[in-house]
Amino acid sequence: MNSVLAGYIGFAMKSGNLISGEDLCKKEIQKRKAYLVIVAKDASENTQKVFKDKTAFYNVPIRFYGTKEELGHIIGKMPRAVIVLKDRNFATKIIDCIDQEN
């Protein structure tokens, strides 16, 4: 995983602008407080479909990146399939990093 990207995600976590876990992430999307959804590439097909559909409905950017292990490690938690950025600036920087890498 890109160290710059990991740094942004880590800063977002420390500043309270990131949440993880499927149920919490769904709620943030529905409350329209999500600016970016990152789903691990190794998340189940069902999880990927659920978040594709939710983000399309609520018009939230989504990116598929890394593994559950990598996402969990960056934020200092157990493996996570989904994380949500609640800050527009962090979301913009992270989208740029992911898009440049791909």
C-alpha atoms as a PDB file:
ATOM      1  CA  MET A   1       0.000   0.000   0.000  1.00  0.00           C
ATOM      2  CA  ASN A   2       1.181   3.498  -0.851  1.00  0.00           C
ATOM      3  CA  SER A   3       2.783   5.141   2.209  1.00  0.00           C
ATOM      4  CA  VAL A   4       1.342   8.583   1.389  1.00  0.00           C
ATOM      5  CA  LEU A   5      -2.130   7.082   1.146  1.00  0.00           C
ATOM      6  CA  ALA A   6      -1.604   5.168   4.389  1.00  0.00           C
ATOM      7  CA  GLY A   7      -0.516   8.423   6.039  1.00  0.00           C
ATOM      8  CA  TYR A   8      -3.673  10.252   4.963  1.00  0.00           C
ATOM      9  CA  ILE A   9      -5.874   7.389   6.164  1.00  0.00           C
ATOM     10  CA  GLY A  10      -3.976   7.264   9.465  1.00  0.00           C
ATOM     11  CA  PHE A  11      -4.341  11.017  10.000  1.00  0.00           C
ATOM     12  CA  ALA A  12      -8.056  10.807   9.207  1.00  0.00           C
ATOM     13  CA  MET A  13      -8.443   8.047  11.801  1.00  0.00           C
ATOM     14  CA  LYS A  14      -6.554   9.968  14.473  1.00  0.00           C
ATOM     15  CA  SER A  15      -8.552  13.133  13.825  1.00  0.00           C
ATOM     16  CA  GLY A  16     -11.879  11.320  14.131  1.00  0.00           C
ATOM     17  CA  ASN A  17     -12.784  11.725  10.465  1.00  0.00           C
ATOM     18  CA  LEU A  18     -12.845   8.018   9.622  1.00  0.00           C
ATOM     19  CA  ILE A  19     -15.118   5.195  10.646  1.00  0.00           C
ATOM     20  CA  SER A  20     -14.918   1.503   9.890  1.00  0.00           C
ATOM     21  CA  GLY A  21     -17.153  -1.517   9.938  1.00  0.00           C
ATOM     22  CA  GLU A  22     -19.999  -2.292   7.600  1.00  0.00           C
ATOM     23  CA  ASP A  23     -22.948  -1.292   9.795  1.00  0.00           C
ATOM     24  CA  LEU A  24     -21.469   2.032  10.929  1.00  0.00           C
ATOM     25  CA  CYS A  25     -20.406   2.852   7.391  1.00  0.00           C
ATOM     26  CA  LYS A  26     -23.903   2.183   6.024  1.00  0.00           C
ATOM     27  CA  LYS A  27     -25.381   4.519   8.626  1.00  0.00           C
ATOM     28  CA  GLU A  28     -22.917   7.313   7.796  1.00  0.00           C
ATOM     29  CA  ILE A  29     -23.723   7.007   4.099  1.00  0.00           C
ATOM     30  CA  GLN A  30     -27.455   7.176   4.825  1.00  0.00           C
ATOM     31  CA  LYS A  31     -26.949  10.246   7.057  1.00  0.00           C
ATOM     32  CA  ARG A  32     -25.113  11.840   4.104  1.00  0.00           C
ATOM     33  CA  LYS A  33     -21.959  12.372   6.170  1.00  0.00           C
ATOM     34  CA  ALA A  34     -19.707  10.216   3.980  1.00  0.00           C
ATOM     35  CA  TYR A  35     -17.355  11.809   1.450  1.00  0.00           C
ATOM     36  CA  LEU A  36     -15.557   8.624   0.389  1.00  0.00           C
ATOM     37  CA  VAL A  37     -16.107   4.902   0.842  1.00  0.00           C
ATOM     38  CA  ILE A  38     -13.144   2.544   0.524  1.00  0.00           C
ATOM     39  CA  VAL A  39     -13.947  -1.154   0.170  1.00  0.00           C
ATOM     40  CA  ALA A  40     -11.215  -3.784   0.365  1.00  0.00           C
ATOM     41  CA  LYS A  41     -10.679  -5.650  -2.894  1.00  0.00           C
ATOM     42  CA  ASP A  42     -10.945  -8.951  -1.023  1.00  0.00           C
ATOM     43  CA  ALA A  43     -14.298  -8.079   0.582  1.00  0.00           C
ATOM     44  CA  SER A  44     -17.110 -10.488  -0.238  1.00  0.00           C
ATOM     45  CA  GLU A  45     -19.064  -9.984  -3.447  1.00  0.00           C
ATOM     46  CA  ASN A  46     -22.149  -9.226  -1.367  1.00  0.00           C
ATOM     47  CA  THR A  47     -20.348  -6.491   0.600  1.00  0.00           C
ATOM     48  CA  GLN A  48     -18.988  -4.966  -2.606  1.00  0.00           C
ATOM     49  CA  LYS A  49     -22.441  -4.972  -4.205  1.00  0.00           C
ATOM     50  CA  VAL A  50     -24.158  -3.490  -1.132  1.00  0.00           C
ATOM     51  CA  PHE A  51     -21.712  -0.582  -1.010  1.00  0.00           C
ATOM     52  CA  LYS A  52     -21.744  -0.047  -4.793  1.00  0.00           C
ATOM     53  CA  ASP A  53     -25.523   0.269  -4.615  1.00  0.00           C
ATOM     54  CA  LYS A  54     -25.537   2.519  -1.510  1.00  0.00           C
ATOM     55  CA  THR A  55     -22.884   4.868  -2.858  1.00  0.00           C
ATOM     56  CA  ALA A  56     -24.630   5.101  -6.225  1.00  0.00           C
ATOM     57  CA  PHE A  57     -27.957   5.916  -4.557  1.00  0.00           C
ATOM     58  CA  TYR A  58     -26.477   8.539  -2.192  1.00  0.00           C
ATOM     59  CA  ASN A  59     -23.972   9.843  -4.763  1.00  0.00           C
ATOM     60  CA  VAL A  60     -20.853   9.121  -2.689  1.00  0.00           C
ATOM     61  CA  PRO A  61     -17.484   8.310  -4.313  1.00  0.00           C
ATOM     62  CA  ILE A  62     -16.334   4.720  -3.829  1.00  0.00           C
ATOM     63  CA  ARG A  63     -12.947   3.125  -4.382  1.00  0.00           C
ATOM     64  CA  PHE A  64     -11.875  -0.519  -4.151  1.00  0.00           C
ATOM     65  CA  TYR A  65      -8.414  -0.642  -2.679  1.00  0.00           C
ATOM     66  CA  GLY A  66      -6.090  -2.875  -0.682  1.00  0.00           C
ATOM     67  CA  THR A  67      -7.041  -5.854   1.423  1.00  0.00           C
ATOM     68  CA  LYS A  68      -9.014  -6.160   4.635  1.00  0.00           C
ATOM     69  CA  GLU A  69      -5.741  -6.809   6.481  1.00  0.00           C
ATOM     70  CA  GLU A  70      -4.113  -3.672   5.047  1.00  0.00           C
ATOM     71  CA  LEU A  71      -7.079  -1.414   5.814  1.00  0.00           C
ATOM     72  CA  GLY A  72      -7.307  -2.733   9.358  1.00  0.00           C
ATOM     73  CA  HIS A  73      -3.565  -2.377   9.936  1.00  0.00           C
ATOM     74  CA  ILE A  74      -3.477   1.257   8.785  1.00  0.00           C
ATOM     75  CA  ILE A  75      -6.225   2.280  11.200  1.00  0.00           C
ATOM     76  CA  GLY A  76      -4.870   0.151  14.058  1.00  0.00           C
ATOM     77  CA  LYS A  77      -7.752  -2.288  14.208  1.00  0.00           C
ATOM     78  CA  MET A  78      -8.655  -5.827  13.195  1.00  0.00           C
ATOM     79  CA  PRO A  79      -9.169  -6.453   9.454  1.00  0.00           C
ATOM     80  CA  ARG A  80     -11.833  -4.149   7.991  1.00  0.00           C
ATOM     81  CA  ALA A  81     -13.692  -4.583   4.720  1.00  0.00           C
ATOM     82  CA  VAL A  82     -15.031  -1.020   4.597  1.00  0.00           C
ATOM     83  CA  ILE A  83     -13.938   2.412   5.790  1.00  0.00           C
ATOM     84  CA  VAL A  84     -15.652   5.772   5.343  1.00  0.00           C
ATOM     85  CA  LEU A  85     -14.038   9.221   5.279  1.00  0.00           C
ATOM     86  CA  LYS A  86     -16.168  11.936   6.870  1.00  0.00           C
ATOM     87  CA  ASP A  87     -13.969  14.876   5.822  1.00  0.00           C
ATOM     88  CA  ARG A  88     -14.074  16.334   2.315  1.00  0.00           C
ATOM     89  CA  ASN A  89     -10.385  17.336   2.278  1.00  0.00           C
ATOM     90  CA  PHE A  90      -9.100  13.923   3.370  1.00  0.00           C
ATOM     91  CA  ALA A  91     -11.452  12.272   0.881  1.00  0.00           C
ATOM     92  CA  THR A  92     -10.182  14.421  -2.005  1.00  0.00           C
ATOM     93  CA  LYS A  93      -6.520  13.692  -1.219  1.00  0.00           C
ATOM     94  CA  ILE A  94      -7.142   9.966  -0.825  1.00  0.00           C
ATOM     95  CA  ILE A  95      -9.133   9.762  -4.080  1.00  0.00           C
ATOM     96  CA  ASP A  96      -6.225  11.478  -5.864  1.00  0.00           C
ATOM     97  CA  CYS A  97      -3.708   9.012  -4.374  1.00  0.00           C
ATOM     98  CA  ILE A  98      -5.762   5.941  -5.269  1.00  0.00           C
ATOM     99  CA  ASP A  99      -6.502   7.174  -8.794  1.00  0.00           C
ATOM    100  CA  GLN A 100      -2.840   7.996  -9.470  1.00  0.00           C
ATOM    101  CA  GLU A 101      -1.753   4.580  -8.270  1.00  0.00           C
ATOM    102  CA  ASN A 102      -4.268   2.813 -10.504  1.00  0.00           C
END
